[in-house]
Amino acid sequence: MIGLLGKKIGMTQVFDEEGNVIPVTVIQAGPCRVIFRKEKNKHGYDSILLGYEEVEEKKLSKPMLGQFKKHNCPPYKYVREFRLKVYKDIKEGEIFDVSMFEQNELLKVTGTSKGKGFQGVMKRHGFHGFKATHGVHESYRGPGSIGQCATPARVFKGKKLPGHQGVDKVSARNLQVVKIDVERNLVMVKGAVPGHRNSIVRLRKEL
């Protein structure tokens, strides 16, 4: 599966030919360079390492900088691995941009969700809470009973409880490409994309 790295610019809206409003997310994707190519017979699987957004050498550690010099490519700020199921004829040094996508094509966009901090069960898991009527003495927004009286007398793992919410890897699938601007490296996809503004996202073709 081949794709691109990019930054989420924000959301806006466009109009189709019939005048309908389409909410879109603007992503600045690429150009990305193939830094390293992994092959199944040597590394156990097929993949490529894509670099995005060139950076000054002084901003990288020496081990990281050494890897870029080893493969004769400029240093990049972001490097991500893409597994290959098709397109296995890709070679090191190739550069990809938004021209690889087509209008109305479906993409899978992966990003890091916004951090919400410590949240209760109502916001974190969608609990309804207690009835605010006579006879209710518990916390109205609490989780209620979480364990057993005697056997097994413990709280099971995975119980839905308050805790940290957000900053998770989230993928949005089947997002339609509405518009492509090759000159400015912009791609607009229909709907929302996980992450905050200027966060790094992966765009992959749905195969």
N, C-alpha and C. Protein backbone atom coordinates (compact mmCIF):
# COMPACT_ATOMS: atom_id res chain seq x y z
N MET A 1 0.85 -1.19 0.00
CA MET A 1 0.00 0.00 0.00
C MET A 1 0.89 1.24 0.00
N ILE A 2 0.67 2.12 -0.96
CA ILE A 2 1.50 3.29 -1.11
C ILE A 2 0.68 4.53 -0.74
N GLY A 3 1.36 5.53 -0.24
CA GLY A 3 0.66 6.75 0.16
C GLY A 3 1.63 7.89 0.31
N LEU A 4 1.22 8.89 1.08
CA LEU A 4 2.01 10.09 1.29
C LEU A 4 1.93 10.51 2.75
N LEU A 5 2.91 11.31 3.14
CA LEU A 5 2.86 11.99 4.43
C LEU A 5 2.46 13.44 4.19
N GLY A 6 1.75 14.00 5.14
CA GLY A 6 1.32 15.38 4.97
C GLY A 6 0.93 16.01 6.28
N LYS A 7 0.52 17.28 6.20
CA LYS A 7 0.07 18.03 7.36
C LYS A 7 -1.38 18.43 7.19
N LYS A 8 -2.13 18.29 8.27
CA LYS A 8 -3.53 18.73 8.26
C LYS A 8 -3.55 20.26 8.40
N ILE A 9 -4.05 20.94 7.38
CA ILE A 9 -4.10 22.40 7.40
C ILE A 9 -5.34 22.90 8.14
N GLY A 10 -6.46 22.26 7.93
CA GLY A 10 -7.70 22.66 8.58
C GLY A 10 -8.89 22.24 7.74
N MET A 11 -10.08 22.72 8.13
CA MET A 11 -11.30 22.37 7.42
C MET A 11 -11.91 23.60 6.76
N THR A 12 -12.59 23.36 5.66
CA THR A 12 -13.31 24.40 4.95
C THR A 12 -14.47 23.74 4.22
N GLN A 13 -15.04 24.45 3.26
CA GLN A 13 -16.14 23.87 2.50
C GLN A 13 -16.05 24.29 1.05
N VAL A 14 -16.48 23.40 0.18
CA VAL A 14 -16.52 23.68 -1.25
C VAL A 14 -17.92 23.35 -1.75
N PHE A 15 -18.22 23.81 -2.96
CA PHE A 15 -19.53 23.59 -3.56
C PHE A 15 -19.37 22.72 -4.81
N ASP A 16 -20.29 21.77 -4.97
CA ASP A 16 -20.27 20.95 -6.17
C ASP A 16 -21.02 21.64 -7.29
N GLU A 17 -21.18 20.96 -8.41
CA GLU A 17 -21.83 21.55 -9.57
C GLU A 17 -23.30 21.88 -9.32
N GLU A 18 -23.93 21.16 -8.41
CA GLU A 18 -25.34 21.39 -8.12
C GLU A 18 -25.54 22.42 -7.01
N GLY A 19 -24.44 22.97 -6.47
CA GLY A 19 -24.54 23.97 -5.43
C GLY A 19 -24.61 23.42 -4.02
N ASN A 20 -24.38 22.11 -3.85
CA ASN A 20 -24.40 21.51 -2.53
C ASN A 20 -23.08 21.77 -1.80
N VAL A 21 -23.18 22.01 -0.48
CA VAL A 21 -22.00 22.27 0.33
C VAL A 21 -21.34 20.95 0.71
N ILE A 22 -20.03 20.86 0.53
CA ILE A 22 -19.27 19.67 0.89
C ILE A 22 -18.21 20.07 1.91
N PRO A 23 -18.30 19.57 3.15
CA PRO A 23 -17.24 19.86 4.13
C PRO A 23 -15.98 19.07 3.80
N VAL A 24 -14.84 19.74 3.74
CA VAL A 24 -13.60 19.08 3.35
C VAL A 24 -12.49 19.44 4.34
N THR A 25 -11.52 18.54 4.42
CA THR A 25 -10.30 18.80 5.18
C THR A 25 -9.16 19.02 4.19
N VAL A 26 -8.43 20.09 4.38
CA VAL A 26 -7.32 20.43 3.48
C VAL A 26 -6.04 19.85 4.07
N ILE A 27 -5.35 19.07 3.27
CA ILE A 27 -4.10 18.43 3.69
C ILE A 27 -3.00 18.80 2.72
N GLN A 28 -1.89 19.27 3.26
CA GLN A 28 -0.70 19.55 2.44
C GLN A 28 0.17 18.30 2.46
N ALA A 29 0.16 17.57 1.37
CA ALA A 29 0.82 16.27 1.31
C ALA A 29 1.98 16.29 0.33
N GLY A 30 3.12 15.75 0.79
CA GLY A 30 4.28 15.64 -0.06
C GLY A 30 4.92 16.98 -0.38
N PRO A 31 5.92 16.98 -1.28
CA PRO A 31 6.47 15.77 -1.90
C PRO A 31 7.28 14.92 -0.91
N CYS A 32 7.19 13.62 -1.11
CA CYS A 32 7.88 12.66 -0.24
C CYS A 32 8.89 11.87 -1.06
N ARG A 33 10.01 11.59 -0.43
CA ARG A 33 11.10 10.87 -1.10
C ARG A 33 11.27 9.49 -0.48
N VAL A 34 11.52 8.50 -1.33
CA VAL A 34 11.80 7.14 -0.86
C VAL A 34 13.24 7.09 -0.36
N ILE A 35 13.40 6.98 0.95
CA ILE A 35 14.74 6.97 1.54
C ILE A 35 15.36 5.59 1.49
N PHE A 36 14.56 4.58 1.82
CA PHE A 36 15.09 3.22 1.92
C PHE A 36 14.02 2.24 1.46
N ARG A 37 14.46 1.19 0.83
CA ARG A 37 13.55 0.16 0.31
C ARG A 37 13.86 -1.17 0.98
N LYS A 38 12.88 -1.72 1.67
CA LYS A 38 13.04 -3.03 2.30
C LYS A 38 12.41 -4.11 1.41
N GLU A 39 13.10 -5.25 1.29
CA GLU A 39 12.63 -6.34 0.45
C GLU A 39 12.39 -7.58 1.28
N LYS A 40 11.43 -8.37 0.83
CA LYS A 40 11.00 -9.53 1.61
C LYS A 40 12.11 -10.58 1.74
N ASN A 41 12.86 -10.80 0.67
CA ASN A 41 13.89 -11.84 0.73
C ASN A 41 15.07 -11.46 1.62
N LYS A 42 15.19 -10.17 1.95
CA LYS A 42 16.30 -9.71 2.79
C LYS A 42 15.85 -9.28 4.18
N HIS A 43 14.71 -8.58 4.27
CA HIS A 43 14.25 -8.04 5.55
C HIS A 43 13.01 -8.73 6.10
N GLY A 44 12.43 -9.63 5.32
CA GLY A 44 11.25 -10.37 5.79
C GLY A 44 9.93 -9.80 5.32
N TYR A 45 9.92 -8.59 4.79
CA TYR A 45 8.69 -7.99 4.27
C TYR A 45 9.06 -6.85 3.33
N ASP A 46 8.09 -6.43 2.54
CA ASP A 46 8.29 -5.35 1.58
C ASP A 46 7.76 -4.05 2.15
N SER A 47 8.57 -3.01 2.13
CA SER A 47 8.13 -1.70 2.60
C SER A 47 9.09 -0.63 2.08
N ILE A 48 8.66 0.62 2.28
CA ILE A 48 9.52 1.75 1.93
C ILE A 48 9.49 2.75 3.09
N LEU A 49 10.58 3.50 3.23
CA LEU A 49 10.65 4.59 4.19
C LEU A 49 10.51 5.90 3.44
N LEU A 50 9.47 6.66 3.77
CA LEU A 50 9.23 7.93 3.11
C LEU A 50 9.67 9.07 4.00
N GLY A 51 10.34 10.05 3.42
CA GLY A 51 10.75 11.25 4.14
C GLY A 51 9.91 12.44 3.71
N TYR A 52 9.54 13.27 4.68
CA TYR A 52 8.69 14.43 4.40
C TYR A 52 9.23 15.65 5.12
N GLU A 53 9.28 16.75 4.43
CA GLU A 53 9.69 18.07 4.94
C GLU A 53 11.18 18.10 5.26
N GLU A 54 11.95 18.60 4.32
CA GLU A 54 13.39 18.70 4.50
C GLU A 54 13.74 19.63 5.67
N VAL A 55 14.83 19.29 6.35
CA VAL A 55 15.23 20.03 7.55
C VAL A 55 16.75 20.23 7.52
N GLU A 56 17.22 21.21 8.28
CA GLU A 56 18.65 21.47 8.35
C GLU A 56 19.36 20.34 9.10
N GLU A 57 20.59 20.09 8.73
CA GLU A 57 21.35 18.99 9.33
C GLU A 57 21.57 19.19 10.83
N LYS A 58 21.71 20.44 11.26
CA LYS A 58 21.99 20.70 12.67
C LYS A 58 20.82 20.36 13.58
N LYS A 59 19.65 20.17 13.02
CA LYS A 59 18.47 19.86 13.82
C LYS A 59 18.25 18.36 14.00
N LEU A 60 19.16 17.55 13.47
CA LEU A 60 19.05 16.10 13.60
C LEU A 60 20.21 15.55 14.40
N SER A 61 19.98 14.40 15.01
CA SER A 61 21.05 13.74 15.74
C SER A 61 22.03 13.12 14.75
N LYS A 62 23.24 12.86 15.21
CA LYS A 62 24.26 12.29 14.32
C LYS A 62 23.88 10.91 13.80
N PRO A 63 23.32 10.02 14.64
CA PRO A 63 22.91 8.71 14.09
C PRO A 63 21.85 8.84 12.99
N MET A 64 20.89 9.73 13.20
CA MET A 64 19.84 9.91 12.20
C MET A 64 20.40 10.53 10.93
N LEU A 65 21.29 11.50 11.11
CA LEU A 65 21.90 12.14 9.95
C LEU A 65 22.76 11.15 9.17
N GLY A 66 23.38 10.23 9.88
CA GLY A 66 24.20 9.22 9.22
C GLY A 66 23.38 8.31 8.32
N GLN A 67 22.14 8.03 8.73
CA GLN A 67 21.28 7.18 7.91
C GLN A 67 20.92 7.86 6.59
N PHE A 68 20.67 9.16 6.65
CA PHE A 68 20.36 9.88 5.41
C PHE A 68 21.57 9.92 4.48
N LYS A 69 22.76 10.16 5.04
CA LYS A 69 23.96 10.20 4.20
C LYS A 69 24.28 8.83 3.62
N LYS A 70 23.94 7.81 4.37
CA LYS A 70 24.18 6.44 3.90
C LYS A 70 23.40 6.15 2.62
N HIS A 71 22.20 6.72 2.53
CA HIS A 71 21.35 6.48 1.36
C HIS A 71 21.36 7.66 0.38
N ASN A 72 22.31 8.58 0.57
CA ASN A 72 22.52 9.69 -0.36
C ASN A 72 21.25 10.51 -0.60
N CYS A 73 20.62 10.93 0.48
CA CYS A 73 19.42 11.75 0.35
C CYS A 73 19.47 12.87 1.38
N PRO A 74 18.80 13.98 1.14
CA PRO A 74 18.80 15.09 2.09
C PRO A 74 18.08 14.70 3.38
N PRO A 75 18.38 15.37 4.50
CA PRO A 75 17.72 15.03 5.76
C PRO A 75 16.27 15.48 5.78
N TYR A 76 15.41 14.67 6.40
CA TYR A 76 14.00 14.97 6.50
C TYR A 76 13.57 14.98 7.97
N LYS A 77 12.59 15.80 8.24
CA LYS A 77 12.09 15.94 9.62
C LYS A 77 11.22 14.75 10.02
N TYR A 78 10.43 14.26 9.08
CA TYR A 78 9.50 13.16 9.38
C TYR A 78 9.82 11.98 8.47
N VAL A 79 9.92 10.81 9.08
CA VAL A 79 10.18 9.58 8.33
C VAL A 79 9.18 8.52 8.81
N ARG A 80 8.46 7.92 7.87
CA ARG A 80 7.48 6.90 8.20
C ARG A 80 7.63 5.72 7.25
N GLU A 81 7.25 4.55 7.74
CA GLU A 81 7.33 3.33 6.95
C GLU A 81 5.97 2.97 6.37
N PHE A 82 5.96 2.58 5.11
CA PHE A 82 4.75 2.15 4.43
C PHE A 82 4.94 0.72 3.94
N ARG A 83 4.10 -0.18 4.42
CA ARG A 83 4.14 -1.56 3.92
C ARG A 83 3.64 -1.60 2.48
N LEU A 84 4.22 -2.50 1.70
CA LEU A 84 3.87 -2.62 0.30
C LEU A 84 3.16 -3.95 0.05
N LYS A 85 1.95 -3.86 -0.48
CA LYS A 85 1.24 -5.04 -0.95
C LYS A 85 1.26 -5.09 -2.48
N VAL A 86 1.26 -3.89 -3.06
CA VAL A 86 1.42 -3.76 -4.51
C VAL A 86 2.49 -2.69 -4.75
N TYR A 87 2.66 -2.29 -5.98
CA TYR A 87 3.67 -1.28 -6.34
C TYR A 87 5.07 -1.70 -5.85
N LYS A 88 5.43 -2.95 -6.02
CA LYS A 88 6.69 -3.43 -5.49
C LYS A 88 7.89 -3.10 -6.36
N ASP A 89 7.66 -2.33 -7.44
CA ASP A 89 8.77 -1.93 -8.30
C ASP A 89 9.32 -0.56 -7.92
N ILE A 90 8.94 -0.03 -6.77
CA ILE A 90 9.41 1.27 -6.31
C ILE A 90 10.88 1.16 -5.90
N LYS A 91 11.66 2.19 -6.25
CA LYS A 91 13.09 2.18 -5.95
C LYS A 91 13.45 3.37 -5.07
N GLU A 92 14.62 3.29 -4.46
CA GLU A 92 15.10 4.39 -3.62
C GLU A 92 15.34 5.64 -4.46
N GLY A 93 15.03 6.79 -3.86
CA GLY A 93 15.23 8.05 -4.53
C GLY A 93 14.03 8.58 -5.28
N GLU A 94 12.99 7.75 -5.46
CA GLU A 94 11.79 8.22 -6.16
C GLU A 94 11.05 9.24 -5.29
N ILE A 95 10.40 10.18 -5.94
CA ILE A 95 9.66 11.24 -5.26
C ILE A 95 8.19 11.16 -5.65
N PHE A 96 7.32 11.22 -4.65
CA PHE A 96 5.89 11.16 -4.88
C PHE A 96 5.23 12.46 -4.40
N ASP A 97 4.19 12.84 -5.09
CA ASP A 97 3.42 14.02 -4.69
C ASP A 97 1.93 13.73 -4.85
N VAL A 98 1.09 14.77 -4.71
CA VAL A 98 -0.36 14.56 -4.72
C VAL A 98 -0.88 14.16 -6.10
N SER A 99 -0.04 14.25 -7.14
CA SER A 99 -0.48 13.84 -8.47
C SER A 99 -0.75 12.34 -8.55
N MET A 100 -0.31 11.59 -7.54
CA MET A 100 -0.56 10.15 -7.53
C MET A 100 -2.02 9.84 -7.20
N PHE A 101 -2.74 10.82 -6.64
CA PHE A 101 -4.15 10.62 -6.32
C PHE A 101 -5.03 11.14 -7.45
N GLU A 102 -6.25 10.65 -7.50
CA GLU A 102 -7.22 11.07 -8.50
C GLU A 102 -8.48 11.56 -7.82
N GLN A 103 -9.18 12.44 -8.47
CA GLN A 103 -10.42 12.97 -7.92
C GLN A 103 -11.45 11.85 -7.77
N ASN A 104 -12.22 11.89 -6.68
CA ASN A 104 -13.24 10.89 -6.31
C ASN A 104 -12.64 9.57 -5.85
N GLU A 105 -11.31 9.52 -5.74
CA GLU A 105 -10.66 8.31 -5.22
C GLU A 105 -10.86 8.24 -3.71
N LEU A 106 -10.88 7.03 -3.16
CA LEU A 106 -11.07 6.83 -1.73
C LEU A 106 -9.72 6.66 -1.04
N LEU A 107 -9.53 7.37 0.07
CA LEU A 107 -8.27 7.32 0.81
C LEU A 107 -8.52 6.88 2.25
N LYS A 108 -7.46 6.35 2.83
CA LYS A 108 -7.43 6.05 4.27
C LYS A 108 -6.45 7.01 4.91
N VAL A 109 -6.93 7.84 5.84
CA VAL A 109 -6.10 8.86 6.47
C VAL A 109 -5.91 8.49 7.94
N THR A 110 -4.65 8.40 8.35
CA THR A 110 -4.31 8.03 9.72
C THR A 110 -3.58 9.18 10.40
N GLY A 111 -4.02 9.51 11.61
CA GLY A 111 -3.40 10.58 12.38
C GLY A 111 -3.49 10.31 13.86
N THR A 112 -3.03 11.25 14.66
CA THR A 112 -3.09 11.16 16.12
C THR A 112 -4.21 12.07 16.61
N SER A 113 -5.15 11.49 17.34
CA SER A 113 -6.32 12.24 17.79
C SER A 113 -5.92 13.32 18.78
N LYS A 114 -6.78 14.31 18.92
CA LYS A 114 -6.55 15.41 19.84
C LYS A 114 -6.55 14.92 21.28
N GLY A 115 -5.68 15.48 22.12
CA GLY A 115 -5.64 15.12 23.52
C GLY A 115 -6.75 15.81 24.30
N LYS A 116 -7.49 15.05 25.09
CA LYS A 116 -8.60 15.60 25.89
C LYS A 116 -8.26 15.63 27.38
N GLY A 117 -7.11 15.10 27.76
CA GLY A 117 -6.76 15.09 29.18
C GLY A 117 -7.50 13.99 29.93
N PHE A 118 -7.59 14.15 31.26
CA PHE A 118 -8.28 13.17 32.11
C PHE A 118 -9.78 13.43 32.04
N GLN A 119 -10.53 12.41 31.63
CA GLN A 119 -11.98 12.57 31.47
C GLN A 119 -12.72 11.46 32.21
N GLY A 120 -13.97 11.76 32.57
CA GLY A 120 -14.83 10.79 33.24
C GLY A 120 -15.46 9.82 32.25
N VAL A 121 -16.26 8.90 32.80
CA VAL A 121 -16.81 7.84 31.97
C VAL A 121 -17.88 8.35 31.00
N MET A 122 -18.56 9.44 31.35
CA MET A 122 -19.62 9.94 30.47
C MET A 122 -19.04 10.50 29.17
N LYS A 123 -17.97 11.26 29.27
CA LYS A 123 -17.36 11.81 28.07
C LYS A 123 -16.45 10.79 27.40
N ARG A 124 -15.78 9.97 28.18
CA ARG A 124 -14.80 9.04 27.62
C ARG A 124 -15.45 7.83 26.97
N HIS A 125 -16.52 7.30 27.59
CA HIS A 125 -17.14 6.07 27.09
C HIS A 125 -18.60 6.22 26.73
N GLY A 126 -19.16 7.41 26.94
CA GLY A 126 -20.56 7.60 26.57
C GLY A 126 -21.56 7.06 27.57
N PHE A 127 -21.19 6.95 28.86
CA PHE A 127 -22.14 6.50 29.87
C PHE A 127 -23.28 7.52 29.99
N HIS A 128 -24.46 7.03 30.37
CA HIS A 128 -25.63 7.91 30.51
C HIS A 128 -25.67 8.60 31.87
N GLY A 129 -25.02 8.04 32.87
CA GLY A 129 -25.07 8.63 34.20
C GLY A 129 -26.30 8.16 34.98
N PHE A 130 -26.40 8.58 36.25
CA PHE A 130 -27.51 8.18 37.11
C PHE A 130 -28.70 9.14 36.93
N LYS A 131 -29.87 8.66 37.28
CA LYS A 131 -31.05 9.51 37.27
C LYS A 131 -30.95 10.54 38.40
N ALA A 132 -31.25 11.76 38.10
CA ALA A 132 -31.20 12.82 39.11
C ALA A 132 -32.56 12.93 39.81
N THR A 133 -32.93 11.84 40.51
CA THR A 133 -34.22 11.79 41.20
C THR A 133 -34.00 11.38 42.65
N HIS A 134 -35.08 11.29 43.41
CA HIS A 134 -35.02 10.91 44.82
C HIS A 134 -34.50 9.48 44.95
N GLY A 135 -33.70 9.26 45.96
CA GLY A 135 -33.17 7.93 46.22
C GLY A 135 -31.83 7.66 45.59
N VAL A 136 -31.35 8.59 44.77
CA VAL A 136 -30.04 8.41 44.15
C VAL A 136 -29.01 9.17 44.97
N HIS A 137 -28.08 8.42 45.55
CA HIS A 137 -27.10 9.03 46.43
C HIS A 137 -25.68 8.97 45.84
N GLU A 138 -25.54 8.30 44.69
CA GLU A 138 -24.22 8.18 44.08
C GLU A 138 -23.90 9.46 43.29
N SER A 139 -22.69 9.52 42.81
CA SER A 139 -22.32 10.60 41.92
C SER A 139 -23.10 10.46 40.62
N TYR A 140 -23.74 11.53 40.18
CA TYR A 140 -24.59 11.45 39.00
C TYR A 140 -23.80 11.14 37.74
N ARG A 141 -22.52 11.44 37.73
CA ARG A 141 -21.69 11.20 36.55
C ARG A 141 -20.68 10.09 36.78
N GLY A 142 -20.86 9.33 37.85
CA GLY A 142 -19.91 8.27 38.17
C GLY A 142 -20.17 6.99 37.39
N PRO A 143 -19.23 6.04 37.46
CA PRO A 143 -19.38 4.78 36.71
C PRO A 143 -20.27 3.76 37.38
N GLY A 144 -20.58 3.95 38.69
CA GLY A 144 -21.37 2.94 39.39
C GLY A 144 -20.49 1.82 39.92
N SER A 145 -21.10 0.69 40.21
CA SER A 145 -20.36 -0.46 40.74
C SER A 145 -19.41 -1.01 39.69
N ILE A 146 -18.19 -1.30 40.09
CA ILE A 146 -17.20 -1.77 39.11
C ILE A 146 -16.67 -3.16 39.43
N GLY A 147 -16.98 -3.71 40.61
CA GLY A 147 -16.42 -5.01 40.99
C GLY A 147 -17.49 -5.98 41.46
N GLN A 148 -17.05 -7.06 42.10
CA GLN A 148 -17.94 -8.08 42.62
C GLN A 148 -17.90 -8.09 44.14
N CYS A 149 -18.91 -8.69 44.74
CA CYS A 149 -18.98 -8.74 46.20
C CYS A 149 -18.00 -9.77 46.77
N ALA A 150 -18.00 -10.95 46.20
CA ALA A 150 -17.16 -12.02 46.76
C ALA A 150 -16.27 -12.65 45.69
N THR A 151 -16.88 -13.31 44.73
CA THR A 151 -16.10 -14.03 43.73
C THR A 151 -16.26 -13.36 42.39
N PRO A 152 -15.20 -13.04 41.68
CA PRO A 152 -13.79 -13.23 42.02
C PRO A 152 -13.20 -12.10 42.86
N ALA A 153 -14.02 -11.17 43.32
CA ALA A 153 -13.59 -10.12 44.24
C ALA A 153 -12.44 -9.27 43.67
N ARG A 154 -12.60 -8.90 42.44
CA ARG A 154 -11.61 -8.04 41.81
C ARG A 154 -12.26 -7.32 40.64
N VAL A 155 -11.54 -6.33 40.10
CA VAL A 155 -12.02 -5.60 38.93
C VAL A 155 -11.36 -6.19 37.69
N PHE A 156 -12.17 -6.57 36.73
CA PHE A 156 -11.65 -7.18 35.51
C PHE A 156 -10.85 -6.18 34.69
N LYS A 157 -9.84 -6.69 34.00
CA LYS A 157 -9.06 -5.85 33.11
C LYS A 157 -9.94 -5.37 31.96
N GLY A 158 -9.68 -4.13 31.53
CA GLY A 158 -10.45 -3.59 30.43
C GLY A 158 -11.74 -2.92 30.85
N LYS A 159 -11.99 -2.84 32.15
CA LYS A 159 -13.20 -2.17 32.63
C LYS A 159 -13.19 -0.70 32.23
N LYS A 160 -14.32 -0.20 31.75
CA LYS A 160 -14.42 1.18 31.32
C LYS A 160 -14.46 2.10 32.53
N LEU A 161 -13.39 2.85 32.70
CA LEU A 161 -13.24 3.72 33.86
C LEU A 161 -12.74 5.10 33.42
N PRO A 162 -12.76 6.08 34.30
CA PRO A 162 -12.17 7.38 33.94
C PRO A 162 -10.69 7.25 33.63
N GLY A 163 -10.18 8.17 32.84
CA GLY A 163 -8.75 8.13 32.51
C GLY A 163 -8.42 9.08 31.38
N HIS A 164 -7.21 8.93 30.88
CA HIS A 164 -6.73 9.82 29.82
C HIS A 164 -7.44 9.50 28.52
N GLN A 165 -7.85 10.55 27.81
CA GLN A 165 -8.54 10.39 26.55
C GLN A 165 -7.80 11.14 25.46
N GLY A 166 -7.74 10.54 24.29
CA GLY A 166 -7.10 11.17 23.14
C GLY A 166 -5.65 10.75 22.98
N VAL A 167 -4.95 11.39 22.02
CA VAL A 167 -3.56 11.08 21.66
C VAL A 167 -3.44 9.60 21.31
N ASP A 168 -4.37 9.13 20.50
CA ASP A 168 -4.37 7.75 20.03
C ASP A 168 -4.25 7.74 18.51
N LYS A 169 -3.74 6.64 18.00
CA LYS A 169 -3.67 6.46 16.55
C LYS A 169 -5.05 6.13 16.01
N VAL A 170 -5.56 7.01 15.14
CA VAL A 170 -6.91 6.86 14.63
C VAL A 170 -6.86 6.91 13.10
N SER A 171 -7.65 6.04 12.47
CA SER A 171 -7.73 6.02 11.01
C SER A 171 -9.15 6.31 10.56
N ALA A 172 -9.29 7.17 9.58
CA ALA A 172 -10.57 7.44 8.94
C ALA A 172 -10.52 6.85 7.54
N ARG A 173 -11.46 5.97 7.24
CA ARG A 173 -11.41 5.23 5.99
C ARG A 173 -12.46 5.75 5.01
N ASN A 174 -12.21 5.43 3.74
CA ASN A 174 -13.13 5.76 2.65
C ASN A 174 -13.44 7.25 2.57
N LEU A 175 -12.40 8.08 2.70
CA LEU A 175 -12.57 9.52 2.54
C LEU A 175 -12.38 9.87 1.06
N GLN A 176 -13.36 10.50 0.50
CA GLN A 176 -13.34 10.80 -0.94
C GLN A 176 -12.50 12.03 -1.24
N VAL A 177 -11.68 11.93 -2.27
CA VAL A 177 -10.88 13.06 -2.72
C VAL A 177 -11.79 14.00 -3.51
N VAL A 178 -11.96 15.22 -3.02
CA VAL A 178 -12.84 16.20 -3.66
C VAL A 178 -12.08 17.06 -4.65
N LYS A 179 -10.87 17.48 -4.28
CA LYS A 179 -10.10 18.39 -5.14
C LYS A 179 -8.61 18.19 -4.89
N ILE A 180 -7.82 18.37 -5.93
CA ILE A 180 -6.36 18.24 -5.85
C ILE A 180 -5.72 19.48 -6.46
N ASP A 181 -4.77 20.07 -5.73
CA ASP A 181 -4.00 21.21 -6.22
C ASP A 181 -2.53 20.79 -6.26
N VAL A 182 -2.07 20.40 -7.44
CA VAL A 182 -0.72 19.87 -7.58
C VAL A 182 0.32 20.95 -7.35
N GLU A 183 0.05 22.18 -7.78
CA GLU A 183 1.03 23.26 -7.66
C GLU A 183 1.33 23.58 -6.20
N ARG A 184 0.32 23.53 -5.33
CA ARG A 184 0.51 23.85 -3.92
C ARG A 184 0.57 22.61 -3.04
N ASN A 185 0.60 21.42 -3.65
CA ASN A 185 0.67 20.14 -2.92
C ASN A 185 -0.49 19.99 -1.93
N LEU A 186 -1.68 20.33 -2.37
CA LEU A 186 -2.86 20.26 -1.51
C LEU A 186 -3.83 19.20 -2.03
N VAL A 187 -4.41 18.48 -1.10
CA VAL A 187 -5.47 17.54 -1.42
C VAL A 187 -6.61 17.76 -0.44
N MET A 188 -7.83 17.84 -0.95
CA MET A 188 -9.02 18.05 -0.12
C MET A 188 -9.83 16.77 -0.09
N VAL A 189 -10.09 16.28 1.11
CA VAL A 189 -10.87 15.06 1.27
C VAL A 189 -12.18 15.39 1.98
N LYS A 190 -13.21 14.68 1.63
CA LYS A 190 -14.53 14.93 2.20
C LYS A 190 -14.59 14.43 3.64
N GLY A 191 -15.05 15.29 4.54
CA GLY A 191 -15.21 14.91 5.94
C GLY A 191 -14.04 15.33 6.81
N ALA A 192 -14.07 14.84 8.04
CA ALA A 192 -13.07 15.21 9.03
C ALA A 192 -11.92 14.21 9.05
N VAL A 193 -10.78 14.70 9.50
CA VAL A 193 -9.56 13.90 9.60
C VAL A 193 -9.05 13.99 11.04
N PRO A 194 -8.63 12.87 11.65
CA PRO A 194 -8.15 12.93 13.04
C PRO A 194 -6.91 13.79 13.19
N GLY A 195 -6.81 14.49 14.34
CA GLY A 195 -5.64 15.30 14.64
C GLY A 195 -5.94 16.78 14.67
N HIS A 196 -5.01 17.53 15.24
CA HIS A 196 -5.15 18.98 15.30
C HIS A 196 -4.50 19.60 14.07
N ARG A 197 -4.61 20.91 13.96
CA ARG A 197 -3.99 21.61 12.83
C ARG A 197 -2.48 21.44 12.86
N ASN A 198 -1.91 21.26 11.70
CA ASN A 198 -0.46 21.07 11.51
C ASN A 198 0.04 19.73 12.05
N SER A 199 -0.86 18.82 12.35
CA SER A 199 -0.43 17.49 12.78
C SER A 199 -0.11 16.64 11.55
N ILE A 200 0.77 15.66 11.74
CA ILE A 200 1.20 14.80 10.65
C ILE A 200 0.19 13.68 10.44
N VAL A 201 -0.18 13.46 9.18
CA VAL A 201 -1.13 12.40 8.83
C VAL A 201 -0.55 11.58 7.69
N ARG A 202 -1.07 10.36 7.60
CA ARG A 202 -0.71 9.47 6.50
C ARG A 202 -1.90 9.35 5.56
N LEU A 203 -1.64 9.45 4.29
CA LEU A 203 -2.68 9.24 3.28
C LEU A 203 -2.32 8.00 2.48
N ARG A 204 -3.24 7.06 2.46
CA ARG A 204 -3.03 5.82 1.73
C ARG A 204 -4.23 5.50 0.86
N LYS A 205 -3.97 4.91 -0.27
CA LYS A 205 -5.05 4.51 -1.15
C LYS A 205 -5.77 3.29 -0.58
N GLU A 206 -7.10 3.31 -0.68
CA GLU A 206 -7.89 2.16 -0.27
C GLU A 206 -7.83 1.13 -1.39
N LEU A 207 -7.28 -0.06 -1.06
CA LEU A 207 -7.14 -1.12 -2.05
C LEU A 207 -8.06 -2.28 -1.71
